[in-house]
Amino acid sequence: MAESYSGEAYCVKCKEKRAFSGEVHETNGRRMAKGKCPVCNTTVTRILGKS
């Protein structure tokens, strides 16, 4: 079961911080939340740190 995340991330297209919810992925020991911007539907990411 994938871990979920809700918080803020910077949207590069809108150039603003947006609240989003998404799933947590882990690559090379680093956790990253991925989701969609609610305004423009672009993928936004937030690095959460090492696990």
N, C-alpha and C. Protein backbone atom coordinates (compact mmCIF):
# COMPACT_ATOMS: atom_id res chain seq x y z
N MET A 1 0.84 -1.19 0.00
CA MET A 1 0.00 0.00 0.00
C MET A 1 0.87 1.24 0.00
N ALA A 2 0.60 2.18 -0.89
CA ALA A 2 1.39 3.39 -1.02
C ALA A 2 1.03 4.39 0.08
N GLU A 3 2.03 5.06 0.55
CA GLU A 3 1.83 6.09 1.57
C GLU A 3 1.34 7.37 0.89
N SER A 4 0.38 8.07 1.51
CA SER A 4 -0.13 9.30 0.92
C SER A 4 0.47 10.51 1.63
N TYR A 5 0.44 11.66 0.96
CA TYR A 5 1.00 12.90 1.48
C TYR A 5 0.08 14.05 1.11
N SER A 6 -0.15 14.94 2.04
CA SER A 6 -0.90 16.17 1.78
C SER A 6 -0.08 17.33 2.31
N GLY A 7 0.12 18.33 1.48
CA GLY A 7 0.91 19.49 1.89
C GLY A 7 1.05 20.47 0.74
N GLU A 8 2.11 21.28 0.79
CA GLU A 8 2.35 22.28 -0.24
C GLU A 8 3.58 21.93 -1.04
N ALA A 9 3.56 22.30 -2.32
CA ALA A 9 4.71 22.16 -3.19
C ALA A 9 4.70 23.33 -4.16
N TYR A 10 5.86 23.66 -4.70
CA TYR A 10 5.98 24.76 -5.65
C TYR A 10 5.64 24.26 -7.04
N CYS A 11 4.69 24.91 -7.68
CA CYS A 11 4.33 24.58 -9.05
C CYS A 11 5.16 25.47 -9.98
N VAL A 12 5.95 24.84 -10.84
CA VAL A 12 6.84 25.57 -11.73
C VAL A 12 6.06 26.33 -12.80
N LYS A 13 4.96 25.78 -13.23
CA LYS A 13 4.15 26.42 -14.28
C LYS A 13 3.40 27.64 -13.74
N CYS A 14 2.78 27.51 -12.57
CA CYS A 14 2.02 28.61 -11.96
C CYS A 14 2.95 29.61 -11.25
N LYS A 15 4.15 29.15 -10.87
CA LYS A 15 5.12 29.93 -10.11
C LYS A 15 4.58 30.36 -8.75
N GLU A 16 3.86 29.44 -8.11
CA GLU A 16 3.30 29.66 -6.77
C GLU A 16 3.30 28.35 -6.00
N LYS A 17 3.26 28.47 -4.66
CA LYS A 17 3.10 27.28 -3.84
C LYS A 17 1.63 26.90 -3.85
N ARG A 18 1.38 25.61 -4.05
CA ARG A 18 0.01 25.10 -4.11
C ARG A 18 -0.15 23.93 -3.15
N ALA A 19 -1.31 23.84 -2.55
CA ALA A 19 -1.64 22.68 -1.71
C ALA A 19 -2.00 21.53 -2.64
N PHE A 20 -1.49 20.34 -2.32
CA PHE A 20 -1.77 19.17 -3.15
C PHE A 20 -1.78 17.93 -2.28
N SER A 21 -2.29 16.86 -2.82
CA SER A 21 -2.20 15.56 -2.16
C SER A 21 -1.73 14.56 -3.20
N GLY A 22 -0.89 13.63 -2.75
CA GLY A 22 -0.34 12.66 -3.68
C GLY A 22 0.25 11.47 -2.96
N GLU A 23 1.05 10.70 -3.68
CA GLU A 23 1.67 9.50 -3.14
C GLU A 23 3.14 9.72 -2.90
N VAL A 24 3.69 8.98 -1.94
CA VAL A 24 5.10 9.05 -1.61
C VAL A 24 5.83 7.94 -2.36
N HIS A 25 6.89 8.33 -3.07
CA HIS A 25 7.75 7.39 -3.80
C HIS A 25 9.13 7.45 -3.17
N GLU A 26 9.87 6.35 -3.26
CA GLU A 26 11.22 6.31 -2.70
C GLU A 26 12.20 5.86 -3.77
N THR A 27 13.25 6.66 -3.97
CA THR A 27 14.29 6.35 -4.93
C THR A 27 15.64 6.66 -4.30
N ASN A 28 16.56 5.71 -4.32
CA ASN A 28 17.91 5.87 -3.78
C ASN A 28 17.91 6.34 -2.33
N GLY A 29 16.95 5.87 -1.53
CA GLY A 29 16.91 6.21 -0.12
C GLY A 29 16.30 7.57 0.18
N ARG A 30 15.79 8.25 -0.83
CA ARG A 30 15.14 9.55 -0.61
C ARG A 30 13.65 9.43 -0.89
N ARG A 31 12.88 10.07 -0.05
CA ARG A 31 11.42 10.04 -0.21
C ARG A 31 10.97 11.29 -0.95
N MET A 32 10.00 11.12 -1.85
CA MET A 32 9.50 12.24 -2.64
C MET A 32 8.00 12.09 -2.81
N ALA A 33 7.28 13.16 -2.58
CA ALA A 33 5.83 13.17 -2.79
C ALA A 33 5.54 13.69 -4.18
N LYS A 34 4.68 12.99 -4.92
CA LYS A 34 4.30 13.38 -6.27
C LYS A 34 2.79 13.54 -6.33
N GLY A 35 2.35 14.60 -6.97
CA GLY A 35 0.92 14.82 -7.13
C GLY A 35 0.67 15.77 -8.28
N LYS A 36 -0.55 16.25 -8.39
CA LYS A 36 -0.93 17.17 -9.46
C LYS A 36 -1.32 18.53 -8.88
N CYS A 37 -0.95 19.58 -9.58
CA CYS A 37 -1.36 20.94 -9.21
C CYS A 37 -2.86 21.05 -9.43
N PRO A 38 -3.61 21.54 -8.44
CA PRO A 38 -5.07 21.62 -8.61
C PRO A 38 -5.51 22.67 -9.62
N VAL A 39 -4.65 23.63 -9.96
CA VAL A 39 -5.03 24.70 -10.88
C VAL A 39 -4.72 24.34 -12.34
N CYS A 40 -3.45 23.92 -12.62
CA CYS A 40 -3.04 23.70 -14.00
C CYS A 40 -2.82 22.23 -14.34
N ASN A 41 -2.95 21.33 -13.36
CA ASN A 41 -2.84 19.88 -13.55
C ASN A 41 -1.44 19.43 -13.94
N THR A 42 -0.42 20.22 -13.63
CA THR A 42 0.97 19.84 -13.86
C THR A 42 1.45 18.99 -12.69
N THR A 43 2.36 18.07 -12.94
CA THR A 43 2.92 17.24 -11.87
C THR A 43 3.80 18.10 -10.98
N VAL A 44 3.55 18.06 -9.67
CA VAL A 44 4.38 18.77 -8.70
C VAL A 44 5.03 17.73 -7.80
N THR A 45 6.24 18.03 -7.35
CA THR A 45 6.97 17.12 -6.47
C THR A 45 7.51 17.88 -5.27
N ARG A 46 7.68 17.15 -4.18
CA ARG A 46 8.29 17.71 -2.99
C ARG A 46 9.20 16.64 -2.39
N ILE A 47 10.46 16.99 -2.19
CA ILE A 47 11.41 16.06 -1.61
C ILE A 47 11.23 16.09 -0.09
N LEU A 48 11.01 14.91 0.48
CA LEU A 48 10.72 14.80 1.92
C LEU A 48 11.95 14.47 2.75
N GLY A 49 13.02 13.99 2.14
CA GLY A 49 14.23 13.67 2.88
C GLY A 49 14.50 12.19 2.88
N LYS A 50 15.55 11.80 3.58
CA LYS A 50 15.95 10.40 3.63
C LYS A 50 15.01 9.63 4.53
N SER A 51 14.85 8.34 4.24
CA SER A 51 13.97 7.50 5.05
C SER A 51 14.69 6.90 6.22
